[in-house]
N, C-alpha and C. Protein backbone atom coordinates (compact mmCIF):
# COMPACT_ATOMS: atom_id res chain seq x y z
N UNK A 1 -52.92 -107.16 -146.99
CA UNK A 1 -52.96 -108.52 -147.53
C UNK A 1 -53.48 -108.45 -148.99
N UNK A 2 -54.53 -107.65 -149.21
CA UNK A 2 -55.09 -107.56 -150.58
C UNK A 2 -53.99 -107.09 -151.59
N UNK A 3 -53.28 -106.06 -151.13
CA UNK A 3 -52.23 -105.49 -152.05
C UNK A 3 -51.21 -106.53 -152.51
N UNK A 4 -50.88 -107.46 -151.61
CA UNK A 4 -49.94 -108.51 -151.92
C UNK A 4 -50.49 -109.49 -152.96
N UNK A 5 -51.85 -109.63 -152.98
CA UNK A 5 -52.45 -110.52 -153.90
C UNK A 5 -52.71 -109.87 -155.25
N UNK A 6 -52.44 -108.57 -155.36
CA UNK A 6 -52.60 -107.83 -156.60
C UNK A 6 -51.49 -108.24 -157.56
N UNK A 7 -51.84 -108.21 -158.83
CA UNK A 7 -50.82 -108.45 -159.89
C UNK A 7 -49.77 -107.28 -159.80
N UNK A 8 -48.59 -107.57 -160.11
CA UNK A 8 -47.50 -106.57 -160.09
C UNK A 8 -47.84 -105.36 -160.89
N UNK A 9 -48.51 -105.55 -162.05
CA UNK A 9 -48.85 -104.41 -162.90
C UNK A 9 -49.86 -103.51 -162.21
N UNK A 10 -50.76 -104.12 -161.41
CA UNK A 10 -51.77 -103.35 -160.68
C UNK A 10 -51.04 -102.53 -159.57
N UNK A 11 -50.07 -103.13 -158.95
CA UNK A 11 -49.32 -102.39 -157.89
C UNK A 11 -48.56 -101.21 -158.50
N UNK A 12 -47.98 -101.41 -159.63
CA UNK A 12 -47.31 -100.28 -160.33
C UNK A 12 -48.33 -99.18 -160.69
N UNK A 13 -49.51 -99.63 -161.16
CA UNK A 13 -50.54 -98.63 -161.53
C UNK A 13 -50.96 -97.81 -160.27
N UNK A 14 -51.07 -98.48 -159.13
CA UNK A 14 -51.44 -97.77 -157.90
C UNK A 14 -50.33 -96.80 -157.52
N UNK A 15 -49.08 -97.21 -157.58
CA UNK A 15 -48.02 -96.27 -157.22
C UNK A 15 -47.99 -95.08 -158.12
N UNK A 16 -48.01 -95.28 -159.41
CA UNK A 16 -47.91 -94.16 -160.36
C UNK A 16 -49.15 -93.29 -160.28
N UNK A 17 -50.31 -93.87 -160.00
CA UNK A 17 -51.53 -93.07 -159.82
C UNK A 17 -51.34 -92.16 -158.62
N UNK A 18 -50.75 -92.63 -157.57
CA UNK A 18 -50.52 -91.85 -156.38
C UNK A 18 -49.62 -90.68 -156.72
N UNK A 19 -48.60 -90.89 -157.44
CA UNK A 19 -47.66 -89.84 -157.85
C UNK A 19 -48.37 -88.78 -158.68
N UNK A 20 -49.12 -89.22 -159.65
CA UNK A 20 -49.87 -88.34 -160.55
C UNK A 20 -50.95 -87.56 -159.75
N UNK A 21 -51.63 -88.24 -158.86
CA UNK A 21 -52.62 -87.61 -158.00
C UNK A 21 -52.02 -86.47 -157.20
N UNK A 22 -50.92 -86.74 -156.56
CA UNK A 22 -50.24 -85.73 -155.73
C UNK A 22 -49.81 -84.54 -156.60
N UNK A 23 -49.20 -84.83 -157.74
CA UNK A 23 -48.76 -83.80 -158.68
C UNK A 23 -49.92 -82.86 -159.11
N UNK A 24 -51.03 -83.54 -159.48
CA UNK A 24 -52.20 -82.78 -159.91
C UNK A 24 -52.74 -81.88 -158.83
N UNK A 25 -52.80 -82.47 -157.60
CA UNK A 25 -53.28 -81.64 -156.46
C UNK A 25 -52.36 -80.46 -156.17
N UNK A 26 -51.10 -80.67 -156.25
CA UNK A 26 -50.10 -79.59 -156.00
C UNK A 26 -50.23 -78.46 -157.05
N UNK A 27 -50.77 -78.83 -158.26
CA UNK A 27 -50.94 -77.80 -159.30
C UNK A 27 -52.03 -76.85 -158.90
N UNK A 28 -52.71 -77.08 -157.75
CA UNK A 28 -53.71 -76.14 -157.26
C UNK A 28 -53.08 -74.82 -156.84
N UNK A 29 -51.82 -74.88 -156.39
CA UNK A 29 -51.07 -73.69 -155.97
C UNK A 29 -50.90 -72.64 -157.11
N UNK A 30 -50.32 -73.13 -158.27
CA UNK A 30 -50.17 -72.17 -159.38
C UNK A 30 -51.58 -71.75 -159.96
N UNK A 31 -52.53 -72.63 -159.89
CA UNK A 31 -53.87 -72.31 -160.32
C UNK A 31 -54.46 -71.15 -159.49
N UNK A 32 -54.28 -71.23 -158.16
CA UNK A 32 -54.72 -70.17 -157.25
C UNK A 32 -53.99 -68.85 -157.51
N UNK A 33 -52.66 -69.04 -157.74
CA UNK A 33 -51.85 -67.78 -157.98
C UNK A 33 -52.34 -67.07 -159.25
N UNK A 34 -52.65 -67.88 -160.28
CA UNK A 34 -53.12 -67.31 -161.55
C UNK A 34 -54.46 -66.58 -161.36
N UNK A 35 -55.31 -67.14 -160.49
CA UNK A 35 -56.60 -66.46 -160.21
C UNK A 35 -56.30 -65.16 -159.48
N UNK A 36 -55.47 -65.23 -158.44
CA UNK A 36 -55.20 -64.02 -157.61
C UNK A 36 -54.51 -62.91 -158.36
N UNK A 37 -53.68 -63.23 -159.32
CA UNK A 37 -52.99 -62.17 -160.09
C UNK A 37 -53.79 -61.75 -161.32
N UNK A 38 -55.02 -62.23 -161.44
CA UNK A 38 -55.89 -61.88 -162.61
C UNK A 38 -55.17 -62.20 -163.91
N UNK A 39 -54.61 -63.39 -164.01
CA UNK A 39 -54.03 -63.82 -165.27
C UNK A 39 -55.11 -63.90 -166.35
N UNK A 40 -54.68 -63.88 -167.60
CA UNK A 40 -55.69 -64.04 -168.64
C UNK A 40 -56.51 -65.29 -168.51
N UNK A 41 -57.75 -65.26 -168.98
CA UNK A 41 -58.71 -66.35 -168.79
C UNK A 41 -58.09 -67.67 -169.31
N UNK A 42 -57.45 -67.63 -170.46
CA UNK A 42 -56.92 -68.92 -171.03
C UNK A 42 -55.78 -69.54 -170.15
N UNK A 43 -55.07 -68.70 -169.48
CA UNK A 43 -54.05 -69.21 -168.54
C UNK A 43 -54.71 -69.79 -167.30
N UNK A 44 -55.69 -69.08 -166.72
CA UNK A 44 -56.38 -69.61 -165.58
C UNK A 44 -57.04 -70.97 -165.94
N UNK A 45 -57.66 -70.99 -167.11
CA UNK A 45 -58.32 -72.18 -167.59
C UNK A 45 -57.31 -73.33 -167.70
N UNK A 46 -56.17 -73.06 -168.26
CA UNK A 46 -55.11 -74.07 -168.42
C UNK A 46 -54.65 -74.60 -167.10
N UNK A 47 -54.51 -73.77 -166.06
CA UNK A 47 -54.19 -74.29 -164.72
C UNK A 47 -55.29 -75.11 -164.16
N UNK A 48 -56.57 -74.71 -164.43
CA UNK A 48 -57.73 -75.45 -163.92
C UNK A 48 -57.69 -76.86 -164.56
N UNK A 49 -57.46 -76.93 -165.86
CA UNK A 49 -57.41 -78.24 -166.54
C UNK A 49 -56.30 -79.11 -165.99
N UNK A 50 -55.14 -78.56 -165.69
CA UNK A 50 -54.05 -79.34 -165.12
C UNK A 50 -54.41 -79.85 -163.76
N UNK A 51 -54.94 -78.91 -162.92
CA UNK A 51 -55.30 -79.23 -161.51
C UNK A 51 -56.42 -80.25 -161.42
N UNK A 52 -57.33 -80.27 -162.35
CA UNK A 52 -58.48 -81.15 -162.23
C UNK A 52 -58.27 -82.43 -163.04
N UNK A 53 -57.66 -82.39 -164.18
CA UNK A 53 -57.63 -83.53 -165.06
C UNK A 53 -56.62 -84.60 -164.57
N UNK A 54 -55.52 -84.15 -163.98
CA UNK A 54 -54.55 -85.14 -163.47
C UNK A 54 -55.11 -86.01 -162.34
N UNK A 55 -55.80 -85.42 -161.38
CA UNK A 55 -56.35 -86.25 -160.32
C UNK A 55 -57.49 -87.18 -160.90
N UNK A 56 -58.21 -86.66 -161.91
CA UNK A 56 -59.24 -87.56 -162.55
C UNK A 56 -58.53 -88.73 -163.24
N UNK A 57 -57.47 -88.50 -163.93
CA UNK A 57 -56.73 -89.58 -164.60
C UNK A 57 -56.15 -90.55 -163.53
N UNK A 58 -55.67 -90.02 -162.44
CA UNK A 58 -55.13 -90.87 -161.37
C UNK A 58 -56.27 -91.74 -160.74
N UNK A 59 -57.41 -91.16 -160.61
CA UNK A 59 -58.55 -91.90 -160.13
C UNK A 59 -58.95 -93.03 -161.05
N UNK A 60 -58.91 -92.77 -162.36
CA UNK A 60 -59.14 -93.84 -163.36
C UNK A 60 -58.10 -94.95 -163.22
N UNK A 61 -56.87 -94.55 -163.00
CA UNK A 61 -55.81 -95.58 -162.86
C UNK A 61 -56.03 -96.40 -161.63
N UNK A 62 -56.44 -95.79 -160.47
CA UNK A 62 -56.74 -96.54 -159.26
C UNK A 62 -57.89 -97.52 -159.45
N UNK A 63 -58.90 -97.04 -160.12
CA UNK A 63 -60.10 -97.89 -160.36
C UNK A 63 -59.70 -99.06 -161.29
N UNK A 64 -58.90 -98.77 -162.29
CA UNK A 64 -58.47 -99.86 -163.18
C UNK A 64 -57.61 -100.88 -162.43
N UNK A 65 -56.71 -100.39 -161.57
CA UNK A 65 -55.85 -101.32 -160.79
C UNK A 65 -56.64 -102.22 -159.93
N UNK A 66 -57.78 -101.70 -159.45
CA UNK A 66 -58.66 -102.52 -158.53
C UNK A 66 -59.26 -103.72 -159.29
N UNK A 67 -59.54 -103.55 -160.60
CA UNK A 67 -60.21 -104.65 -161.30
C UNK A 67 -59.29 -105.49 -162.15
N UNK A 68 -58.06 -105.05 -162.28
CA UNK A 68 -57.11 -105.80 -163.21
C UNK A 68 -57.02 -107.28 -162.86
N UNK A 69 -56.93 -107.62 -161.56
CA UNK A 69 -56.78 -109.04 -161.21
C UNK A 69 -58.06 -109.82 -161.43
N UNK A 70 -59.18 -109.16 -161.68
CA UNK A 70 -60.47 -109.83 -161.91
C UNK A 70 -60.62 -110.20 -163.39
N UNK A 71 -59.76 -109.68 -164.20
CA UNK A 71 -59.90 -109.94 -165.68
C UNK A 71 -59.18 -111.22 -166.11
N UNK A 72 -59.88 -112.01 -166.86
CA UNK A 72 -59.36 -113.32 -167.26
C UNK A 72 -58.52 -113.18 -168.53
N UNK A 73 -57.44 -112.47 -168.41
CA UNK A 73 -56.55 -112.29 -169.59
C UNK A 73 -55.08 -112.58 -169.12
N UNK A 74 -54.26 -112.72 -170.05
CA UNK A 74 -52.79 -113.04 -169.77
C UNK A 74 -52.09 -111.84 -169.17
N UNK A 75 -51.00 -112.14 -168.52
CA UNK A 75 -50.17 -111.07 -167.91
C UNK A 75 -49.76 -110.01 -168.90
N UNK A 76 -49.35 -110.34 -170.10
CA UNK A 76 -48.94 -109.27 -171.02
C UNK A 76 -50.09 -108.28 -171.33
N UNK A 77 -51.31 -108.73 -171.36
CA UNK A 77 -52.42 -107.82 -171.61
C UNK A 77 -52.64 -106.89 -170.41
N UNK A 78 -52.48 -107.48 -169.21
CA UNK A 78 -52.61 -106.64 -167.99
C UNK A 78 -51.48 -105.62 -167.93
N UNK A 79 -50.31 -106.02 -168.40
CA UNK A 79 -49.22 -105.01 -168.41
C UNK A 79 -49.43 -103.96 -169.47
N UNK A 80 -50.00 -104.33 -170.61
CA UNK A 80 -50.32 -103.32 -171.68
C UNK A 80 -51.24 -102.26 -171.11
N UNK A 81 -52.28 -102.73 -170.42
CA UNK A 81 -53.23 -101.78 -169.82
C UNK A 81 -52.53 -100.86 -168.83
N UNK A 82 -51.77 -101.47 -167.90
CA UNK A 82 -51.11 -100.64 -166.89
C UNK A 82 -50.09 -99.68 -167.46
N UNK A 83 -49.23 -100.17 -168.28
CA UNK A 83 -48.18 -99.31 -168.90
C UNK A 83 -48.79 -98.25 -169.73
N UNK A 84 -49.80 -98.48 -170.53
CA UNK A 84 -50.43 -97.50 -171.36
C UNK A 84 -51.02 -96.40 -170.51
N UNK A 85 -51.68 -96.77 -169.42
CA UNK A 85 -52.28 -95.70 -168.54
C UNK A 85 -51.22 -94.91 -167.82
N UNK A 86 -50.17 -95.57 -167.40
CA UNK A 86 -49.06 -94.90 -166.71
C UNK A 86 -48.38 -93.88 -167.65
N UNK A 87 -48.05 -94.39 -168.82
CA UNK A 87 -47.45 -93.46 -169.83
C UNK A 87 -48.35 -92.28 -170.16
N UNK A 88 -49.65 -92.60 -170.36
CA UNK A 88 -50.60 -91.54 -170.59
C UNK A 88 -50.64 -90.48 -169.46
N UNK A 89 -50.65 -90.96 -168.24
CA UNK A 89 -50.67 -90.07 -167.10
C UNK A 89 -49.48 -89.13 -167.08
N UNK A 90 -48.27 -89.71 -167.31
CA UNK A 90 -47.12 -88.88 -167.27
C UNK A 90 -47.01 -87.90 -168.50
N UNK A 91 -47.55 -88.34 -169.60
CA UNK A 91 -47.65 -87.48 -170.75
C UNK A 91 -48.44 -86.22 -170.45
N UNK A 92 -49.55 -86.42 -169.79
CA UNK A 92 -50.38 -85.30 -169.36
C UNK A 92 -49.78 -84.46 -168.23
N UNK A 93 -48.95 -85.12 -167.39
CA UNK A 93 -48.18 -84.44 -166.40
C UNK A 93 -47.21 -83.42 -166.97
N UNK A 94 -46.74 -83.72 -168.18
CA UNK A 94 -45.83 -82.85 -168.91
C UNK A 94 -46.66 -81.74 -169.55
N UNK A 95 -47.64 -82.18 -170.34
CA UNK A 95 -48.35 -81.22 -171.24
C UNK A 95 -49.24 -80.22 -170.49
N UNK A 96 -49.98 -80.69 -169.48
CA UNK A 96 -50.93 -79.73 -168.92
C UNK A 96 -50.35 -78.56 -168.14
N UNK A 97 -49.34 -78.77 -167.26
CA UNK A 97 -48.76 -77.57 -166.63
C UNK A 97 -47.91 -76.80 -167.61
N UNK A 98 -47.27 -77.44 -168.51
CA UNK A 98 -46.48 -76.70 -169.52
C UNK A 98 -47.39 -75.81 -170.44
N UNK A 99 -48.53 -76.31 -170.74
CA UNK A 99 -49.50 -75.51 -171.49
C UNK A 99 -49.90 -74.24 -170.73
N UNK A 100 -50.07 -74.39 -169.37
CA UNK A 100 -50.39 -73.22 -168.58
C UNK A 100 -49.22 -72.26 -168.47
N UNK A 101 -48.03 -72.77 -168.40
CA UNK A 101 -46.84 -71.94 -168.27
C UNK A 101 -46.56 -71.19 -169.53
N UNK A 102 -46.67 -71.84 -170.66
CA UNK A 102 -46.35 -71.25 -171.94
C UNK A 102 -47.54 -70.51 -172.61
N UNK A 103 -48.77 -70.83 -172.18
CA UNK A 103 -49.92 -70.20 -172.83
C UNK A 103 -50.24 -70.91 -174.15
N UNK A 104 -49.59 -71.99 -174.43
CA UNK A 104 -49.85 -72.74 -175.64
C UNK A 104 -50.74 -73.97 -175.34
N UNK A 105 -51.62 -74.25 -176.25
CA UNK A 105 -52.56 -75.35 -176.03
C UNK A 105 -52.03 -76.73 -176.40
N UNK A 106 -51.05 -76.74 -177.35
CA UNK A 106 -50.49 -78.04 -177.77
C UNK A 106 -51.46 -78.89 -178.55
N UNK A 107 -52.28 -78.27 -179.31
CA UNK A 107 -53.22 -79.02 -180.17
C UNK A 107 -52.72 -79.24 -181.56
N UNK A 108 -51.59 -78.64 -181.88
CA UNK A 108 -51.01 -78.78 -183.22
C UNK A 108 -49.47 -78.87 -183.06
N UNK A 109 -48.85 -79.58 -183.97
CA UNK A 109 -47.39 -79.75 -183.92
C UNK A 109 -46.73 -78.50 -184.47
N UNK A 110 -47.51 -77.50 -184.90
CA UNK A 110 -46.95 -76.28 -185.46
C UNK A 110 -46.50 -75.29 -184.36
N UNK A 111 -46.72 -75.62 -183.09
CA UNK A 111 -46.35 -74.72 -182.01
C UNK A 111 -44.87 -74.36 -182.02
N UNK A 112 -44.57 -73.25 -181.41
CA UNK A 112 -43.15 -72.81 -181.35
C UNK A 112 -42.52 -73.26 -180.01
N UNK A 113 -41.24 -73.54 -180.07
CA UNK A 113 -40.49 -73.80 -178.82
C UNK A 113 -41.12 -74.89 -177.98
N UNK A 114 -41.43 -74.54 -176.73
CA UNK A 114 -42.03 -75.49 -175.81
C UNK A 114 -43.43 -75.98 -176.24
N UNK A 115 -44.05 -75.21 -177.15
CA UNK A 115 -45.30 -75.65 -177.67
C UNK A 115 -45.27 -77.05 -178.31
N UNK A 116 -44.11 -77.40 -178.91
CA UNK A 116 -43.96 -78.68 -179.47
C UNK A 116 -43.99 -79.75 -178.36
N UNK A 117 -43.34 -79.41 -177.22
CA UNK A 117 -43.33 -80.34 -176.07
C UNK A 117 -44.76 -80.55 -175.51
N UNK A 118 -45.51 -79.40 -175.44
CA UNK A 118 -46.90 -79.48 -174.98
C UNK A 118 -47.70 -80.46 -175.92
N UNK A 119 -47.50 -80.27 -177.21
CA UNK A 119 -48.19 -81.13 -178.23
C UNK A 119 -47.76 -82.59 -178.04
N UNK A 120 -46.46 -82.81 -177.91
CA UNK A 120 -45.92 -84.22 -177.72
C UNK A 120 -46.52 -84.83 -176.46
N UNK A 121 -46.55 -84.07 -175.33
CA UNK A 121 -47.12 -84.66 -174.13
C UNK A 121 -48.61 -84.96 -174.31
N UNK A 122 -49.34 -84.09 -175.03
CA UNK A 122 -50.75 -84.34 -175.33
C UNK A 122 -50.91 -85.64 -176.16
N UNK A 123 -50.03 -85.79 -177.16
CA UNK A 123 -50.17 -86.96 -178.01
C UNK A 123 -49.86 -88.20 -177.22
N UNK A 124 -48.80 -88.19 -176.41
CA UNK A 124 -48.43 -89.38 -175.62
C UNK A 124 -49.57 -89.68 -174.64
N UNK A 125 -50.14 -88.64 -174.05
CA UNK A 125 -51.26 -88.87 -173.14
C UNK A 125 -52.48 -89.43 -173.84
N UNK A 126 -52.80 -88.84 -174.96
CA UNK A 126 -54.00 -89.28 -175.68
C UNK A 126 -53.87 -90.68 -176.23
N UNK A 127 -52.76 -90.97 -176.89
CA UNK A 127 -52.55 -92.34 -177.42
C UNK A 127 -52.47 -93.37 -176.29
N UNK A 128 -51.79 -93.06 -175.24
CA UNK A 128 -51.70 -93.98 -174.10
C UNK A 128 -53.10 -94.24 -173.56
N UNK A 129 -53.93 -93.23 -173.45
CA UNK A 129 -55.29 -93.43 -172.96
C UNK A 129 -56.07 -94.37 -173.90
N UNK A 130 -55.91 -94.06 -175.18
CA UNK A 130 -56.67 -94.90 -176.15
C UNK A 130 -56.27 -96.35 -176.12
N UNK A 131 -54.91 -96.56 -176.09
CA UNK A 131 -54.42 -97.94 -176.05
C UNK A 131 -54.91 -98.61 -174.78
N UNK A 132 -54.78 -97.95 -173.64
CA UNK A 132 -55.20 -98.53 -172.38
C UNK A 132 -56.67 -98.84 -172.34
N UNK A 133 -57.48 -97.90 -172.91
CA UNK A 133 -58.98 -98.09 -172.90
C UNK A 133 -59.38 -99.27 -173.84
N UNK A 134 -58.72 -99.36 -174.99
CA UNK A 134 -59.05 -100.43 -175.91
C UNK A 134 -58.65 -101.75 -175.32
N UNK A 135 -57.46 -101.84 -174.71
CA UNK A 135 -57.01 -103.04 -174.11
C UNK A 135 -57.94 -103.48 -172.91
N UNK A 136 -58.32 -102.42 -172.10
CA UNK A 136 -59.20 -102.74 -171.00
C UNK A 136 -60.59 -103.17 -171.49
N UNK A 137 -61.11 -102.59 -172.54
CA UNK A 137 -62.37 -103.03 -173.10
C UNK A 137 -62.26 -104.51 -173.56
N UNK A 138 -61.16 -104.82 -174.28
CA UNK A 138 -60.97 -106.17 -174.76
C UNK A 138 -60.89 -107.12 -173.57
N UNK A 139 -60.13 -106.79 -172.54
CA UNK A 139 -59.98 -107.65 -171.39
C UNK A 139 -61.35 -107.82 -170.69
N UNK A 140 -62.13 -106.76 -170.58
CA UNK A 140 -63.44 -106.82 -169.98
C UNK A 140 -64.36 -107.70 -170.75
N UNK A 141 -64.31 -107.63 -172.05
CA UNK A 141 -65.13 -108.49 -172.98
C UNK A 141 -64.74 -109.92 -172.81
N UNK A 142 -63.49 -110.25 -172.77
CA UNK A 142 -62.99 -111.57 -172.62
C UNK A 142 -63.39 -112.18 -171.28
N UNK A 143 -63.48 -111.35 -170.28
CA UNK A 143 -63.84 -111.78 -168.95
C UNK A 143 -65.31 -112.09 -168.79
N UNK A 144 -66.13 -111.69 -169.74
CA UNK A 144 -67.60 -111.89 -169.61
C UNK A 144 -67.98 -113.37 -169.52
């Protein structure tokens, strides 16, 4: 019953959070393989980041979805928050495992080949997170 009373943006946020959560948890398999085969430390660390950060981001999305309908803002603001966090999550779904596969960190656009895609995913993820957080902060302030 509660789910039906949620704003459509919140329902989308819950769905995409579940997808990202599952994807992040499944990245535990390549993380374990990297440990077992004694991969270089930076590769193991990259898999750890992917396996841990995606579920954390999904948890943030779930928590945000739970409070979206409590905010006294217009529907477009709620959609900005939801879409920004969804886009951010998928950006990191691209960049974090790809960084582990390629061994590139994606911290600069100077990367070669797939390194540019790692960087692009990181930028989409970071900017989406910032936009979502700023919009959420504004909505929370307005709701005071």
